[in-house]
C-alpha cells in the first residue's frame, strides 16, 4: 500500500489517533502483497485504501485513487456510477459478503469486467464504518474457479483413482476410487502411510516412477504397473495404467516440488484378456507348425515327439511320454526331455521294465479318469525335490499336468508336462491345450503300433 499517513488515518476514522511505525508498514506490506485487488471505502464512499494489484488491473496508482469519492467519472462510466456505488455501499449494512460483477474503466480508457466481493466494516462502536472490496478480472476468477472445480471433481467423482503423493512418497490426498482400489475402507485411512503398507509387490516400481517424476518430470506416456494389493479379502494381483504429474508451488519464485499427482485406472481384466488372446494365438501357431512338421516325418514315433517339442515352447520345462505295456497294466517311458539340461524330446532306450509309479500317481489318475490331472508340490518349495523324486520326475519339477493319450477308443498312455518353480501352476486353459496336443500325439503313437488297452 502506498497511501500516505493521512490516508491511513481516514481508514481508522476521524476520532482515532494517527498511527505510524511498524504496524502501519506491516499493513501496507500485507495489502500490497495480496494476489487480489483490494480497495476500501469509508462510510461516505471515499476511497481509503488501494493496493498494487488494483493498480495493475486498472492502471490507477494509489495516489490517484485514494481520496476520491466512489468510482464516478474515472473508474466507471458516469451512466453506471450510481448503480455501482449503490451496490457496493449496500454491503456496509448487509450481512456477509456480497458478490457482483461490474465493468470498470482502465486508466488508458479500456474496459475490464471484474468480479467483486464486498463486505461491511464495523467501527469500534459497532456501527457501519465503511466497506472493503476485493476484485479480480472475471476471466482470472473463472480460471481459478475452474481449477478448484476440477480439483474437487477429481477428488470426489472421478472414475480414475487419484492420489496426491507428497515428497516423502506418502499419500496426502486420496479420492474415493483410489481408496477402493488400494483396498482401504476410507480416504482418510490411507493418508500419511508408506506405500509399502498398502502394496505387497510392485511397490519398488511405483516408488521408482514417483522418484523419476520428482527429479525429471512426468513421463511422456502412460505406465502400466503390476502390483499386489493387500485387502481385507486377501492379496489381489492388479494392473494399473498410471499417469503422473509433478506438482510445484505457484507461489514460489522457483519451482518448489509439492509432490506428485498420480492418476491410475485398473485395467487388470483387459490386460488378462489381452494376454490370453496372445497366448491362444501363439499356441494355435505352435499347433499349426507342429502339424506341418509331423506330416514330414516318416517315422510315426518321430512325429509324436515333434508334436510334444512344439508344445513345450512357452508352456512347460519338461515333457514325458509314457505308453501302456503289452499287458495294459503298467506304463513304460517312451520319450522325454533331457533331465540334466534343456533339449528336445527324444526317445528313451527301452529296457522293457515298467515304471514303478506309486498308487495315486497323477499319471495313473489320468488313466483312471480318462482325462487330465493337475498337481503341485504345494505352497513351499523346500520339499519339491523329494516330491518330484517320489513321482520319478526331474528334481526341479514343481507343477505337473498329466493327460491321457487316447486313440480309437483305447488308452495308449499318458503325456506329462512339468514346470519348475519360476513358472505358475497349470490352470484349466492349460489342460485344454495339453489335451489337444495329446490327441495328436496319440494318433502318431497309434500309427507307431502302440497297443494300448
Protein backbone atom coordinates (compact mmCIF):
# COMPACT_ATOMS: atom_id res chain seq x y z
CA UNK A 1 0.00 0.00 0.00
CA UNK A 2 1.34 3.39 -0.98
CA UNK A 3 -1.18 5.53 0.89
CA UNK A 4 0.09 8.50 2.91
CA UNK A 5 -0.21 8.90 6.68
CA UNK A 6 -3.39 10.93 6.30
CA UNK A 7 -4.89 8.15 4.19
CA UNK A 8 -4.27 5.58 6.92
CA UNK A 9 -5.87 7.91 9.44
CA UNK A 10 -9.01 8.25 7.36
CA UNK A 11 -9.35 4.47 7.27
CA UNK A 12 -9.26 4.33 11.02
CA UNK A 13 -11.84 7.07 11.46
CA UNK A 14 -11.68 10.75 12.44
CA UNK A 15 -11.71 10.04 16.16
CA UNK A 16 -8.79 7.56 16.04
CA UNK A 17 -5.28 8.82 16.76
CA UNK A 18 -2.86 8.82 13.88
CA UNK A 19 -0.79 5.63 13.78
CA UNK A 20 2.67 5.24 12.36
CA UNK A 21 5.58 2.87 12.67
CA UNK A 22 5.90 -0.92 12.22
CA UNK A 23 2.14 -1.60 12.40
CA UNK A 24 1.38 0.76 9.55
CA UNK A 25 4.26 -0.62 7.49
CA UNK A 26 3.07 -4.17 8.09
CA UNK A 27 -0.48 -3.28 6.97
CA UNK A 28 0.88 -1.67 3.81
CA UNK A 29 3.06 -4.72 3.06
CA UNK A 30 0.15 -7.11 3.57
CA UNK A 31 -2.17 -5.17 1.31
CA UNK A 32 0.41 -4.76 -1.45
CA UNK A 33 1.37 -8.42 -1.26
CA UNK A 34 -2.17 -9.69 -1.87
CA UNK A 35 -2.90 -11.53 -5.12
CA UNK A 36 -6.36 -9.92 -5.26
CA UNK A 37 -7.03 -6.28 -5.95
CA UNK A 38 -8.39 -4.53 -2.86
CA UNK A 39 -9.88 -1.14 -2.18
CA UNK A 40 -11.77 0.23 0.84
CA UNK A 41 -14.38 2.98 1.29
CA UNK A 42 -15.34 4.89 4.39
CA UNK A 43 -18.98 5.47 5.34
CA UNK A 44 -19.22 8.38 2.89
CA UNK A 45 -17.94 6.35 -0.05
CA UNK A 46 -14.44 7.89 -0.09
CA UNK A 47 -11.64 5.51 -1.09
CA UNK A 48 -9.21 4.95 1.79
CA UNK A 49 -7.10 2.03 0.52
CA UNK A 50 -5.90 0.93 -2.93
CA UNK A 51 -3.29 -1.82 -3.31
CA UNK A 52 -0.81 -2.64 -6.06
CA UNK A 53 -2.96 -5.37 -7.65
CA UNK A 54 -5.77 -2.83 -8.10
CA UNK A 55 -3.23 -0.55 -9.77
CA UNK A 56 -2.10 -3.40 -12.05
CA UNK A 57 -5.64 -4.22 -13.19
CA UNK A 58 -6.94 -0.66 -13.70
CA UNK A 59 -3.77 1.37 -14.13
CA UNK A 60 -4.65 3.95 -11.45
CA UNK A 61 -2.00 4.40 -8.77
CA UNK A 62 -2.86 4.65 -5.03
CA UNK A 63 -2.02 8.36 -5.11
CA UNK A 64 -4.59 8.84 -7.88
CA UNK A 65 -7.28 6.65 -6.30
CA UNK A 66 -7.18 7.29 -2.55
CA UNK A 67 -9.36 10.26 -1.52
CA UNK A 68 -11.77 10.02 -4.45
CA UNK A 69 -15.48 9.62 -3.73
CA UNK A 70 -16.52 6.40 -5.43
CA UNK A 71 -15.62 5.42 -9.00
CA UNK A 72 -17.72 8.06 -10.78
CA UNK A 73 -16.04 9.78 -13.69
CA UNK A 74 -12.76 7.86 -13.62
CA UNK A 75 -13.12 4.11 -12.92
CA UNK A 76 -16.71 3.63 -14.20
CA UNK A 77 -18.82 5.31 -16.82
CA UNK A 78 -20.94 8.16 -15.50
CA UNK A 79 -24.10 6.37 -16.54
CA UNK A 80 -23.18 3.36 -14.40
CA UNK A 81 -21.69 5.22 -11.42
CA UNK A 82 -24.79 5.49 -9.24
CA UNK A 83 -25.69 1.83 -9.68
CA UNK A 84 -22.15 0.65 -8.90
CA UNK A 85 -21.85 2.92 -5.85
CA UNK A 86 -25.23 1.85 -4.53
CA UNK A 87 -24.48 -1.86 -4.83
CA UNK A 88 -21.06 -1.51 -3.24
CA UNK A 89 -22.19 0.64 -0.32
CA UNK A 90 -25.20 -1.60 0.30
CA UNK A 91 -22.74 -4.18 1.56
CA UNK A 92 -21.97 -1.90 4.53
CA UNK A 93 -25.25 -2.84 6.20
CA UNK A 94 -25.89 -6.24 4.62
CA UNK A 95 -24.80 -9.44 6.42
CA UNK A 96 -21.98 -11.49 4.94
CA UNK A 97 -20.24 -10.89 1.64
CA UNK A 98 -21.87 -9.55 -1.49
CA UNK A 99 -20.69 -10.73 -4.91
CA UNK A 100 -21.20 -8.58 -8.01
CA UNK A 101 -19.80 -8.16 -11.49
CA UNK A 102 -19.02 -4.68 -12.86
CA UNK A 103 -17.45 -3.21 -15.97
CA UNK A 104 -14.71 -0.84 -14.75
CA UNK A 105 -12.58 1.58 -16.75
CA UNK A 106 -8.82 1.35 -17.06
CA UNK A 107 -6.70 4.46 -16.97
CA UNK A 108 -5.99 4.01 -20.68
CA UNK A 109 -9.72 4.07 -21.43
CA UNK A 110 -10.22 0.35 -21.88
CA UNK A 111 -12.92 -1.59 -20.07
CA UNK A 112 -12.46 -4.67 -17.92
CA UNK A 113 -15.10 -6.90 -16.41
CA UNK A 114 -14.37 -7.62 -12.75
CA UNK A 115 -15.97 -9.78 -10.10
CA UNK A 116 -16.15 -8.15 -6.68
CA UNK A 117 -16.61 -9.45 -3.17
CA UNK A 118 -17.56 -6.71 -0.76
CA UNK A 119 -18.38 -6.66 2.93
CA UNK A 120 -19.09 -4.04 5.56
CA UNK A 121 -16.59 -2.78 8.09
CA UNK A 122 -17.72 -2.02 11.66
CA UNK A 123 -16.26 0.71 13.82
CA UNK A 124 -15.28 0.45 17.46
CA UNK A 125 -18.84 1.32 18.45
CA UNK A 126 -20.21 -1.49 16.27
CA UNK A 127 -21.77 0.86 13.75
CA UNK A 128 -21.13 0.59 9.97
CA UNK A 129 -17.88 2.43 9.22
CA UNK A 130 -17.21 1.54 5.60
CA UNK A 131 -16.81 -1.19 3.01
CA UNK A 132 -13.88 -3.19 1.75
CA UNK A 133 -14.00 -4.58 -1.77
CA UNK A 134 -11.75 -7.28 -3.24
CA UNK A 135 -11.95 -7.71 -7.00
CA UNK A 136 -10.27 -9.59 -9.85
CA UNK A 137 -10.71 -9.86 -13.56
CA UNK A 138 -13.60 -12.18 -14.39
CA UNK A 139 -11.57 -14.42 -16.69
CA UNK A 140 -8.92 -14.88 -14.00
CA UNK A 141 -11.59 -15.66 -11.43
CA UNK A 142 -13.25 -18.12 -13.79
CA UNK A 143 -9.89 -19.81 -14.39
CA UNK A 144 -9.41 -20.12 -10.63
CA UNK A 145 -12.92 -21.47 -10.13
CA UNK A 146 -12.39 -23.97 -12.94
CA UNK A 147 -9.17 -25.15 -11.32
CA UNK A 148 -10.89 -25.54 -7.97
CA UNK A 149 -13.87 -27.28 -9.57
CA UNK A 150 -11.57 -29.67 -11.45
CA UNK A 151 -9.66 -30.46 -8.28
CA UNK A 152 -12.85 -31.13 -6.33
CA UNK A 153 -14.28 -33.28 -9.14
CA UNK A 154 -11.09 -35.36 -9.34
CA UNK A 155 -11.10 -35.99 -5.62
CA UNK A 156 -14.83 -36.67 -5.41
CA UNK A 157 -16.36 -38.08 -8.57
CA UNK A 158 -13.54 -39.22 -10.88
CA UNK A 159 -13.73 -42.79 -12.23
CA UNK A 160 -9.91 -42.87 -12.14
CA UNK A 161 -8.03 -43.31 -8.91
CA UNK A 162 -6.38 -40.01 -7.95
CA UNK A 163 -3.69 -39.73 -5.27
CA UNK A 164 -1.56 -36.74 -4.38
CA UNK A 165 1.72 -38.12 -3.06
CA UNK A 166 3.98 -35.82 -1.02
CA UNK A 167 7.76 -35.60 -1.45
CA UNK A 168 8.15 -38.36 1.17
CA UNK A 169 6.11 -40.65 -1.12
CA UNK A 170 3.17 -40.84 1.26
CA UNK A 171 -0.44 -40.22 0.20
CA UNK A 172 -1.54 -36.69 1.12
CA UNK A 173 -4.94 -36.64 -0.64
CA UNK A 174 -6.84 -39.66 -1.94
CA UNK A 175 -10.12 -39.84 -3.81
CA UNK A 176 -12.78 -42.48 -3.19
CA UNK A 177 -11.95 -44.56 -6.27
CA UNK A 178 -8.27 -44.77 -5.30
CA UNK A 179 -9.19 -45.77 -1.74
CA UNK A 180 -11.26 -48.66 -3.06
CA UNK A 181 -8.56 -49.76 -5.50
CA UNK A 182 -5.93 -49.66 -2.76
CA UNK A 183 -8.11 -51.88 -0.59
CA UNK A 184 -8.96 -49.29 2.04
CA UNK A 185 -12.28 -48.64 3.66
CA UNK A 186 -11.95 -44.87 3.50
CA UNK A 187 -9.98 -41.98 2.10
CA UNK A 188 -8.51 -40.78 5.39
CA UNK A 189 -7.13 -44.16 6.49
CA UNK A 190 -4.52 -44.04 3.70
CA UNK A 191 -3.14 -40.60 4.46
CA UNK A 192 0.47 -40.47 5.61
CA UNK A 193 1.02 -44.22 5.36
CA UNK A 194 4.04 -45.62 3.45
CA UNK A 195 3.10 -47.16 0.12
CA UNK A 196 4.76 -50.39 1.23
CA UNK A 197 1.98 -50.89 3.78
CA UNK A 198 -0.62 -50.81 1.01
CA UNK A 199 1.15 -52.64 -1.80
CA UNK A 200 2.68 -56.07 -1.18
CA UNK A 201 4.50 -56.46 -4.51
CA UNK A 202 5.39 -53.86 -7.11
CA UNK A 203 5.96 -51.01 -4.65
CA UNK A 204 9.59 -50.63 -5.80
CA UNK A 205 8.47 -49.98 -9.38
CA UNK A 206 5.84 -47.48 -8.22
CA UNK A 207 8.25 -45.60 -5.94
CA UNK A 208 10.82 -45.60 -8.74
CA UNK A 209 8.30 -43.93 -11.05
CA UNK A 210 7.45 -41.35 -8.38
CA UNK A 211 11.14 -40.55 -7.78
CA UNK A 212 11.63 -40.12 -11.52
CA UNK A 213 8.74 -37.66 -11.72
CA UNK A 214 10.06 -35.62 -8.78
CA UNK A 215 13.54 -35.47 -10.30
CA UNK A 216 12.93 -35.24 -14.05
CA UNK A 217 9.25 -34.56 -14.58
CA UNK A 218 6.37 -36.67 -15.82
CA UNK A 219 6.96 -39.42 -18.41
CA UNK A 220 5.64 -38.81 -21.88
CA UNK A 221 3.30 -41.82 -21.88
CA UNK A 222 1.12 -43.80 -19.51
CA UNK A 223 2.80 -46.51 -17.46
CA UNK A 224 1.33 -49.93 -16.71
CA UNK A 225 2.29 -51.25 -13.29
CA UNK A 226 1.55 -54.76 -11.99
CA UNK A 227 1.09 -54.72 -8.22
CA UNK A 228 -0.24 -56.96 -5.50
CA UNK A 229 -2.56 -55.13 -3.11
CA UNK A 230 -3.35 -56.22 0.44
CA UNK A 231 -7.12 -56.12 1.11
CA UNK A 232 -9.50 -57.46 3.74
CA UNK A 233 -10.28 -60.35 1.40
CA UNK A 234 -6.62 -61.21 0.86
CA UNK A 235 -3.97 -60.26 -1.67
CA UNK A 236 -5.02 -59.28 -5.19
CA UNK A 237 -2.83 -59.02 -8.28
CA UNK A 238 -3.80 -55.92 -10.27
CA UNK A 239 -2.58 -53.95 -13.28
CA UNK A 240 -2.85 -50.16 -13.01
CA UNK A 241 -2.48 -47.90 -16.02
CA UNK A 242 -0.91 -44.82 -14.46
CA UNK A 243 -0.16 -41.23 -15.35
CA UNK A 244 2.00 -38.91 -13.26
CA UNK A 245 2.23 -35.13 -12.86
CA UNK A 246 4.87 -33.23 -10.94
CA UNK A 247 3.24 -30.69 -8.62
CA UNK A 248 5.04 -27.42 -7.89
CA UNK A 249 4.02 -24.41 -5.82
CA UNK A 250 2.79 -21.49 -7.96
CA UNK A 251 3.69 -19.06 -5.15
CA UNK A 252 7.45 -19.57 -5.22
CA UNK A 253 9.85 -17.70 -7.47
CA UNK A 254 11.47 -21.02 -8.41
CA UNK A 255 9.50 -24.26 -8.74
CA UNK A 256 9.26 -25.96 -5.37
CA UNK A 257 8.09 -29.59 -5.58
CA UNK A 258 4.96 -30.29 -3.59
CA UNK A 259 4.74 -33.92 -4.61
CA UNK A 260 3.29 -35.97 -7.44
CA UNK A 261 -0.21 -36.26 -8.80
CA UNK A 262 -0.82 -39.96 -9.54
CA UNK A 263 -3.84 -40.88 -11.66
CA UNK A 264 -4.46 -44.56 -12.32
CA UNK A 265 -7.08 -46.93 -13.65
CA UNK A 266 -7.50 -50.65 -13.06
CA UNK A 267 -7.02 -52.42 -16.40
CA UNK A 268 -6.44 -55.90 -14.99
CA UNK A 269 -9.31 -57.58 -16.80
CA UNK A 270 -8.40 -56.02 -20.13
CA UNK A 271 -4.72 -56.95 -19.74
CA UNK A 272 -5.55 -60.52 -18.76
CA UNK A 273 -7.86 -60.82 -21.77
CA UNK A 274 -5.13 -59.39 -23.99
CA UNK A 275 -2.58 -61.83 -22.59
CA UNK A 276 -4.97 -64.73 -23.05
CA UNK A 277 -5.60 -63.71 -26.66
CA UNK A 278 -1.84 -63.53 -27.29
CA UNK A 279 -1.38 -66.91 -25.63
CA UNK A 280 -4.09 -68.52 -27.74
CA UNK A 281 -2.64 -67.07 -30.95
CA UNK A 282 0.80 -68.40 -30.07
CA UNK A 283 -0.49 -71.84 -29.14
CA UNK A 284 -2.55 -72.10 -32.32
CA UNK A 285 0.56 -71.15 -34.28
CA UNK A 286 2.56 -73.86 -32.50
CA UNK A 287 -0.11 -76.47 -33.21
CA UNK A 288 -0.09 -75.46 -36.87
CA UNK A 289 3.70 -75.66 -37.11
CA UNK A 290 3.74 -78.98 -35.24
CA UNK A 291 1.19 -80.49 -37.63
CA UNK A 292 3.26 -79.44 -40.66
CA UNK A 293 6.47 -80.80 -39.12
CA UNK A 294 4.83 -84.09 -38.13
CA UNK A 295 3.45 -84.53 -41.64
CA UNK A 296 7.02 -84.64 -42.97
CA UNK A 297 8.10 -87.39 -40.55
CA UNK A 298 8.28 -90.92 -41.99
CA UNK A 299 8.51 -92.47 -38.52
CA UNK A 300 5.26 -92.05 -36.51
CA UNK A 301 7.26 -92.00 -33.24
CA UNK A 302 9.31 -89.10 -34.56
CA UNK A 303 6.06 -87.33 -35.45
CA UNK A 304 4.84 -87.84 -31.87
CA UNK A 305 7.98 -86.30 -30.34
CA UNK A 306 7.80 -83.39 -32.82
CA UNK A 307 4.28 -82.62 -31.62
CA UNK A 308 5.44 -82.55 -27.99
CA UNK A 309 8.52 -80.45 -28.85
CA UNK A 310 6.43 -77.67 -30.38
CA UNK A 311 4.01 -77.78 -27.45
CA UNK A 312 6.79 -77.21 -24.91
CA UNK A 313 7.68 -73.72 -26.16
CA UNK A 314 6.42 -71.18 -23.62
CA UNK A 315 4.29 -73.86 -21.95
CA UNK A 316 6.42 -76.17 -19.79
CA UNK A 317 10.02 -77.09 -18.93
CA UNK A 318 9.83 -80.86 -19.28
CA UNK A 319 7.67 -83.40 -21.11
CA UNK A 320 7.32 -87.15 -20.62
CA UNK A 321 5.57 -89.68 -22.86
CA UNK A 322 4.63 -92.92 -21.10
CA UNK A 323 2.95 -95.71 -23.06
CA UNK A 324 0.93 -98.70 -21.88
CA UNK A 325 2.74 -102.07 -21.70
CA UNK A 326 1.58 -105.01 -23.72
CA UNK A 327 -0.42 -106.32 -20.78
CA UNK A 328 -2.11 -102.95 -20.34
CA UNK A 329 -1.40 -102.78 -16.65
CA UNK A 330 1.78 -100.68 -16.37
CA UNK A 331 3.49 -97.78 -18.12
CA UNK A 332 6.79 -97.62 -19.99
CA UNK A 333 8.81 -94.43 -20.66
CA UNK A 334 8.81 -93.91 -24.44
CA UNK A 335 10.14 -90.35 -24.81
CA UNK A 336 11.27 -87.48 -22.59
CA UNK A 337 13.20 -84.25 -22.49
CA UNK A 338 16.79 -84.47 -21.13
CA UNK A 339 16.82 -84.42 -17.34
CA UNK A 340 20.12 -82.58 -16.93
CA UNK A 341 19.77 -79.68 -19.38
CA UNK A 342 17.16 -78.24 -21.75
CA UNK A 343 16.77 -80.09 -25.01
CA UNK A 344 14.29 -81.60 -27.46
CA UNK A 345 12.04 -84.52 -26.67
CA UNK A 346 13.82 -87.74 -27.61
CA UNK A 347 13.07 -91.42 -27.49
CA UNK A 348 14.13 -93.30 -24.40
CA UNK A 349 16.01 -96.53 -24.97
CA UNK A 350 13.58 -99.19 -23.84
CA UNK A 351 14.55 -101.58 -21.09
CA UNK A 352 11.23 -103.29 -21.02
CA UNK A 353 10.96 -102.58 -17.29
CA UNK A 354 7.70 -100.78 -16.39
CA UNK A 355 7.79 -97.54 -14.42
CA UNK A 356 7.27 -98.02 -10.72
CA UNK A 357 4.68 -95.34 -10.24
CA UNK A 358 3.19 -95.47 -6.72
CA UNK A 359 -0.52 -95.74 -6.19
CA UNK A 360 -2.23 -92.39 -6.62
CA UNK A 361 0.42 -91.11 -9.04
CA UNK A 362 -1.05 -88.29 -11.23
CA UNK A 363 -0.29 -90.27 -14.41
CA UNK A 364 -2.24 -93.25 -13.11
CA UNK A 365 -5.06 -90.97 -12.01
CA UNK A 366 -5.24 -89.51 -15.53
CA UNK A 367 -5.59 -93.03 -16.94
CA UNK A 368 -8.32 -93.91 -14.45
CA UNK A 369 -10.25 -90.70 -15.14
CA UNK A 370 -9.58 -90.79 -18.89
CA UNK A 371 -8.79 -87.09 -18.67
CA UNK A 372 -6.32 -84.60 -17.21
CA UNK A 373 -4.90 -84.26 -13.69
CA UNK A 374 -3.03 -81.23 -12.31
CA UNK A 375 -0.68 -81.43 -9.32
CA UNK A 376 1.72 -79.12 -7.48
CA UNK A 377 4.33 -79.50 -4.76
CA UNK A 378 2.43 -77.12 -2.51
CA UNK A 379 2.95 -73.63 -1.03
CA UNK A 380 6.61 -74.18 -0.06
CA UNK A 381 9.42 -75.24 -2.37
CA UNK A 382 11.74 -76.78 0.26
CA UNK A 383 10.37 -80.26 -0.27
CA UNK A 384 9.79 -80.03 -4.01
CA UNK A 385 12.84 -82.16 -4.85
CA UNK A 386 11.62 -85.04 -2.76
CA UNK A 387 8.10 -84.54 -4.12
CA UNK A 388 9.40 -84.85 -7.69
CA UNK A 389 11.67 -87.77 -6.90
CA UNK A 390 8.80 -89.78 -5.40
CA UNK A 391 6.95 -89.41 -8.71
CA UNK A 392 10.05 -90.16 -10.83
CA UNK A 393 10.15 -86.70 -12.34
CA UNK A 394 13.11 -84.28 -12.79
CA UNK A 395 14.16 -82.73 -9.44
CA UNK A 396 13.20 -79.15 -10.40
CA UNK A 397 9.59 -80.14 -11.17
CA UNK A 398 7.08 -78.23 -9.04
CA UNK A 399 3.90 -78.28 -11.15
CA UNK A 400 2.60 -81.19 -13.23
CA UNK A 401 -0.13 -81.75 -15.80
CA UNK A 402 -0.87 -85.33 -16.85
CA UNK A 403 -3.31 -86.05 -19.66
CA UNK A 404 -4.33 -89.39 -21.10
CA UNK A 405 -3.37 -90.46 -24.63
CA UNK A 406 -6.43 -91.92 -26.39
CA UNK A 407 -6.93 -93.16 -29.94
CA UNK A 408 -9.70 -95.30 -31.49
CA UNK A 409 -11.30 -95.81 -28.10
CA UNK A 410 -8.11 -97.13 -26.47
CA UNK A 411 -5.81 -95.68 -23.83
CA UNK A 412 -2.29 -95.65 -25.24
CA UNK A 413 -0.52 -93.92 -22.39
CA UNK A 414 -0.04 -90.61 -20.59
CA UNK A 415 1.55 -87.32 -21.66
CA UNK A 416 3.04 -85.35 -18.76
CA UNK A 417 4.11 -81.69 -18.80
CA UNK A 418 6.21 -80.36 -15.91
CA UNK A 419 7.03 -76.81 -14.81
CA UNK A 420 9.74 -75.59 -12.44
CA UNK A 421 9.26 -73.01 -9.70
CA UNK A 422 9.77 -69.97 -11.94
CA UNK A 423 6.52 -70.75 -13.76
CA UNK A 424 2.97 -70.61 -12.36
CA UNK A 425 0.86 -73.68 -11.72
CA UNK A 426 -1.13 -75.20 -14.56
CA UNK A 427 -4.69 -73.95 -14.96
CA UNK A 428 -7.81 -75.14 -16.79
CA UNK A 429 -6.92 -73.45 -20.13
CA UNK A 430 -3.53 -75.20 -19.94
CA UNK A 431 -5.26 -78.55 -19.52
CA UNK A 432 -7.39 -77.91 -22.62
CA UNK A 433 -4.27 -77.12 -24.65
CA UNK A 434 -2.47 -80.23 -23.34
CA UNK A 435 -5.47 -82.39 -24.31
CA UNK A 436 -5.35 -81.01 -27.85
CA UNK A 437 -1.65 -81.88 -28.09
CA UNK A 438 -2.31 -85.31 -26.55
CA UNK A 439 -4.90 -86.10 -29.22
CA UNK A 440 -2.32 -85.54 -31.97
CA UNK A 441 0.41 -87.41 -30.10
CA UNK A 442 -1.93 -90.37 -29.54
CA UNK A 443 -2.71 -90.56 -33.28
CA UNK A 444 1.02 -90.76 -34.03
CA UNK A 445 1.54 -93.42 -31.33
CA UNK A 446 -1.32 -95.41 -32.78
CA UNK A 447 0.42 -95.39 -36.17
CA UNK A 448 3.64 -96.43 -34.41
CA UNK A 449 1.91 -99.60 -33.22
CA UNK A 450 1.39 -98.88 -29.55
CA UNK A 451 -1.13 -101.49 -28.45
CA UNK A 452 -2.87 -99.72 -25.60
CA UNK A 453 -5.73 -101.12 -23.60
